[in-house]
Amino acid sequence: MTSPRFLALVLLYLVCGLQVNLSDLLEDNKIPPSLCMGHPGIPGSSGVHGSPGPPGRDGRDGRDAAPAEKGEKGDRGQQGELGMRGLTGDNGDRGEKGERGKEGECAVAPKSAFSAKLSESVTTPLAVGDAVRFDKIMLNEQGDFNKETGRFTCKIPGVYYFAVHATVYRASLQFDLMKNGHTMASYFQFYGNWPKPASLSGGSMLHLVPGDQVWVQMALGEYSGFYSSSKTDSTFTGFLVYSDWKNSAVFA
């Protein structure tokens, strides 16, 4: 007796229009899947997102490569703009004391000064143009004053001050301060029958150049009473006030 399942399969093949070998069906009692296929179904909805998987294993360490050859030096770039001035830093520590330098040359200021006086009175007239010879030297370190001629000779250009102090006793006196034969200043003392010595003094500032000469010249005749004794003197003094030398250490 034929089973209901077998009959259903035969009917299915007939409906589908398929030619089948009934002996094969009877023998195997099963239908191959490729004999009849239905229409594709509607796509299903997406599944639920799965949970994260476990971390993977660490990758293998890379091997050190051989050093590459050094490339050529590139061109020098353009100079950048000057940056803003930075803040002043803290003072550094005090450095060690350096070695002492070589001894320098000493700057010496130009000097010229003299002072001389009469060793005895001069009451007799001198020749015209003769200088009064102050023959007792008190100061003449530079040798600019000549006691034999009574004249000062300038060696250093500049401004000098000269002063003459005369003691007058029982005579009148007139003397001039001379520069190169020209009268720079004149002084006069008239004798008035005074019982004691009197004084006549004068001074002047002169600008001199090397070679200029300065001296005291006494008038002739009755006005020639320079006096000198152990208690009173007649003197001639001069000194440099400042030099015209541009390389002077002090009076530049």
Protein backbone atom coordinates (compact mmCIF):
# COMPACT_ATOMS: atom_id res chain seq x y z
CA MET A 1 0.00 0.00 0.00
CA THR A 2 1.25 3.35 -0.99
CA SER A 3 2.00 5.82 1.85
CA PRO A 4 0.43 9.27 2.00
CA ARG A 5 3.84 10.90 1.89
CA PHE A 6 4.68 9.26 -1.36
CA LEU A 7 1.44 10.35 -2.89
CA ALA A 8 2.03 13.90 -1.82
CA LEU A 9 5.40 13.97 -3.48
CA VAL A 10 4.05 12.63 -6.74
CA LEU A 11 1.34 15.23 -6.72
CA LEU A 12 3.88 17.98 -6.09
CA TYR A 13 5.97 17.00 -9.04
CA LEU A 14 2.96 16.84 -11.28
CA VAL A 15 1.85 20.33 -10.19
CA CYS A 16 5.28 21.72 -10.83
CA GLY A 17 5.34 20.17 -14.27
CA LEU A 18 8.37 18.17 -13.60
CA GLN A 19 9.17 14.84 -15.11
CA VAL A 20 10.48 12.53 -12.55
CA ASN A 21 11.45 8.94 -12.46
CA LEU A 22 9.06 7.27 -10.09
CA SER A 23 11.35 4.34 -9.69
CA ASP A 24 14.00 6.67 -8.31
CA LEU A 25 11.50 8.10 -5.85
CA LEU A 26 10.40 4.72 -4.86
CA GLU A 27 13.98 3.60 -4.46
CA ASP A 28 15.38 6.58 -2.49
CA ASN A 29 12.14 7.79 -1.00
CA LYS A 30 13.45 11.38 -1.07
CA ILE A 31 13.28 14.39 -3.38
CA PRO A 32 16.46 16.32 -4.40
CA PRO A 33 16.46 19.98 -3.19
CA SER A 34 17.10 21.29 -6.72
CA LEU A 35 13.90 19.83 -8.20
CA CYS A 36 11.74 22.72 -7.10
CA MET A 37 12.67 26.21 -5.76
CA GLY A 38 10.37 28.87 -4.37
CA HIS A 39 10.56 32.64 -4.78
CA PRO A 40 13.22 34.51 -2.69
CA GLY A 41 11.94 35.64 0.62
CA ILE A 42 11.93 39.17 2.02
CA PRO A 43 15.33 40.18 3.61
CA GLY A 44 15.29 39.81 7.32
CA SER A 45 15.99 42.63 9.75
CA SER A 46 19.54 43.33 10.99
CA GLY A 47 20.69 41.42 13.94
CA VAL A 48 21.57 42.86 17.31
CA HIS A 49 25.07 44.44 17.50
CA GLY A 50 27.45 42.05 19.13
CA SER A 51 29.63 42.84 22.13
CA PRO A 52 33.34 43.88 21.59
CA GLY A 53 35.71 41.05 21.08
CA PRO A 54 38.75 40.45 23.30
CA PRO A 55 41.95 42.49 22.58
CA GLY A 56 44.24 41.06 19.99
CA ARG A 57 47.82 40.06 20.64
CA ASP A 58 50.67 42.60 20.41
CA GLY A 59 52.31 42.81 17.04
CA ARG A 60 55.89 41.78 16.48
CA ASP A 61 58.61 44.35 17.13
CA GLY A 62 60.18 45.77 13.99
CA ARG A 63 63.83 45.12 13.31
CA ASP A 64 66.42 48.00 13.38
CA ALA A 65 67.22 49.10 9.89
CA ALA A 66 70.77 49.90 8.73
CA PRO A 67 71.72 53.65 9.03
CA ALA A 68 71.14 55.61 5.85
CA GLU A 69 73.87 57.61 4.14
CA LYS A 70 74.29 61.27 5.20
CA GLY A 71 72.69 63.65 2.75
CA GLU A 72 74.21 66.81 1.31
CA LYS A 73 74.12 70.03 3.34
CA GLY A 74 71.21 72.24 2.39
CA ASP A 75 71.40 75.89 1.37
CA ARG A 76 71.60 78.51 4.12
CA GLY A 77 68.21 79.93 4.90
CA GLN A 78 67.36 83.62 5.00
CA GLN A 79 68.03 85.54 8.18
CA GLY A 80 64.99 85.72 10.37
CA GLU A 81 63.52 88.88 11.81
CA LEU A 82 65.05 90.31 14.96
CA GLY A 83 63.18 89.12 17.99
CA MET A 84 61.99 91.25 20.86
CA ARG A 85 64.53 92.30 23.48
CA GLY A 86 64.56 89.88 26.33
CA LEU A 87 64.37 90.74 29.98
CA THR A 88 67.55 91.71 31.77
CA GLY A 89 69.06 88.75 33.52
CA ASP A 90 70.35 88.60 37.04
CA ASN A 91 73.85 89.85 37.79
CA GLY A 92 76.46 87.17 37.51
CA ASP A 93 78.91 86.22 40.18
CA ARG A 94 81.92 88.47 40.69
CA GLY A 95 84.85 87.30 38.61
CA GLU A 96 88.33 86.66 39.84
CA LYS A 97 90.75 89.55 40.06
CA GLY A 98 92.86 89.86 36.94
CA GLU A 99 96.60 90.18 36.75
CA ARG A 100 98.16 93.57 37.29
CA GLY A 101 98.86 95.43 34.08
CA LYS A 102 102.12 96.90 32.95
CA GLU A 103 103.15 100.21 34.43
CA GLY A 104 102.01 103.05 32.21
CA GLU A 105 103.75 106.26 31.36
CA CYS A 106 103.30 109.04 33.86
CA ALA A 107 101.62 112.16 32.51
CA VAL A 108 103.63 115.16 33.68
CA ALA A 109 102.10 118.62 33.57
CA PRO A 110 104.28 121.33 31.98
CA LYS A 111 106.05 123.47 34.54
CA SER A 112 107.86 126.78 34.52
CA ALA A 113 108.51 128.96 37.57
CA PHE A 114 111.28 131.13 39.02
CA SER A 115 111.92 133.64 41.75
CA ALA A 116 115.05 135.77 42.30
CA LYS A 117 116.11 138.79 44.35
CA LEU A 118 118.81 141.44 44.47
CA SER A 119 121.85 140.66 46.56
CA GLU A 120 122.65 144.39 46.90
CA SER A 121 121.09 147.77 46.22
CA VAL A 122 121.06 149.23 42.74
CA THR A 123 121.23 152.99 42.89
CA THR A 124 123.32 153.87 39.88
CA PRO A 125 121.69 154.33 36.45
CA LEU A 126 121.92 151.41 34.02
CA ALA A 127 122.42 151.62 30.29
CA VAL A 128 119.33 151.96 28.07
CA GLY A 129 117.68 148.59 27.57
CA ASP A 130 119.57 146.83 30.35
CA ALA A 131 117.61 144.53 32.64
CA VAL A 132 117.84 144.68 36.40
CA ARG A 133 119.92 141.64 37.33
CA PHE A 134 118.22 139.79 40.17
CA ASP A 135 121.24 137.67 40.91
CA LYS A 136 120.22 135.63 43.97
CA ILE A 137 118.14 132.64 42.82
CA MET A 138 115.44 131.30 45.13
CA LEU A 139 113.67 129.05 42.59
CA ASN A 140 114.62 128.18 39.02
CA GLU A 141 114.13 124.42 38.57
CA GLN A 142 113.51 124.57 34.82
CA GLY A 143 116.35 127.05 34.23
CA ASP A 144 114.11 129.49 32.33
CA PHE A 145 115.51 132.52 34.16
CA ASN A 146 119.07 133.70 33.54
CA LYS A 147 120.54 135.57 36.49
CA GLU A 148 123.45 136.83 34.37
CA THR A 149 121.16 138.73 32.03
CA GLY A 150 118.16 139.13 34.37
CA ARG A 151 115.83 137.78 31.65
CA PHE A 152 113.23 135.04 31.57
CA THR A 153 113.02 133.05 28.30
CA CYS A 154 109.79 131.19 27.48
CA LYS A 155 110.01 127.50 26.52
CA ILE A 156 106.38 126.45 27.03
CA PRO A 157 103.63 128.42 25.24
CA GLY A 158 100.89 129.69 27.49
CA VAL A 159 99.83 132.35 29.98
CA TYR A 160 102.31 133.49 32.65
CA TYR A 161 102.07 135.73 35.66
CA PHE A 162 104.98 138.01 36.59
CA ALA A 163 105.31 140.03 39.79
CA VAL A 164 107.94 142.60 40.86
CA HIS A 165 108.39 143.79 44.42
CA ALA A 166 110.80 146.68 44.98
CA THR A 167 111.99 148.20 48.22
CA VAL A 168 112.58 151.95 47.87
CA TYR A 169 114.73 153.83 50.37
CA ARG A 170 115.75 157.50 50.16
CA ALA A 171 115.22 157.58 46.39
CA SER A 172 112.48 157.63 43.77
CA LEU A 173 111.95 154.62 41.54
CA GLN A 174 110.32 153.84 38.22
CA PHE A 175 110.54 150.44 36.54
CA ASP A 176 108.84 148.71 33.63
CA LEU A 177 107.89 145.10 32.95
CA MET A 178 109.28 144.42 29.47
CA LYS A 179 108.43 141.80 26.83
CA ASN A 180 110.72 141.54 23.79
CA GLY A 181 111.73 145.22 24.16
CA HIS A 182 108.15 146.50 24.63
CA THR A 183 106.77 147.96 27.87
CA MET A 184 103.92 145.86 29.23
CA ALA A 185 103.39 147.71 32.54
CA SER A 186 105.05 150.67 34.34
CA TYR A 187 105.30 151.39 38.10
CA PHE A 188 106.40 154.54 39.89
CA GLN A 189 107.30 155.50 43.48
CA PHE A 190 108.22 159.09 44.39
CA TYR A 191 110.57 159.69 47.30
CA GLY A 192 109.01 162.04 49.87
CA ASN A 193 111.74 162.28 52.48
CA TRP A 194 110.41 159.31 54.41
CA PRO A 195 112.71 158.13 57.19
CA LYS A 196 111.99 154.43 56.50
CA PRO A 197 112.01 152.19 53.39
CA ALA A 198 108.84 152.05 51.24
CA SER A 199 107.54 149.39 48.88
CA LEU A 200 106.57 149.44 45.23
CA SER A 201 104.96 146.31 43.76
CA GLY A 202 103.25 145.35 40.55
CA GLY A 203 102.28 142.35 38.51
CA SER A 204 100.85 141.40 35.15
CA MET A 205 99.72 138.35 33.15
CA LEU A 206 101.32 137.85 29.74
CA HIS A 207 100.75 135.37 26.92
CA LEU A 208 104.07 134.00 25.68
CA VAL A 209 105.32 131.72 22.95
CA PRO A 210 108.65 129.89 22.93
CA GLY A 211 111.53 132.37 22.56
CA ASP A 212 109.75 135.36 24.13
CA GLN A 213 111.77 137.17 26.82
CA VAL A 214 110.53 139.07 29.87
CA TRP A 215 112.59 141.28 32.19
CA VAL A 216 112.48 144.30 34.52
CA GLN A 217 113.93 147.54 33.22
CA MET A 218 114.71 150.52 35.49
CA ALA A 219 114.34 154.12 34.39
CA LEU A 220 117.43 156.27 34.07
CA GLY A 221 118.26 159.39 36.02
CA GLU A 222 116.91 159.98 39.49
CA TYR A 223 114.32 157.18 39.36
CA SER A 224 116.67 154.29 39.99
CA GLY A 225 116.40 153.47 43.64
CA PHE A 226 116.10 149.67 43.97
CA TYR A 227 117.05 148.85 47.56
CA SER A 228 118.11 145.63 49.24
CA SER A 229 119.44 144.80 52.70
CA SER A 230 119.51 141.98 55.23
CA LYS A 231 116.04 142.99 56.42
CA THR A 232 114.26 143.86 53.16
CA ASP A 233 114.41 142.59 49.59
CA SER A 234 113.53 143.43 46.01
CA THR A 235 112.27 140.40 44.05
CA PHE A 236 111.25 139.29 40.54
CA THR A 237 108.92 136.26 40.21
CA GLY A 238 107.16 134.51 37.33
CA PHE A 239 105.32 131.22 36.72
CA LEU A 240 103.18 129.40 34.16
CA VAL A 241 99.42 129.66 34.79
CA TYR A 242 98.31 127.31 32.00
CA SER A 243 99.82 125.87 28.87
CA ASP A 244 98.66 126.07 25.24
CA TRP A 245 99.97 122.57 24.49
CA LYS A 246 97.15 120.35 23.20
CA ASN A 247 98.83 117.25 24.62
CA SER A 248 99.21 118.75 28.07
CA ALA A 249 98.16 116.25 30.76
CA VAL A 250 96.54 118.87 32.97
CA PHE A 251 96.00 122.09 31.07
CA ALA A 252 94.60 120.66 27.82
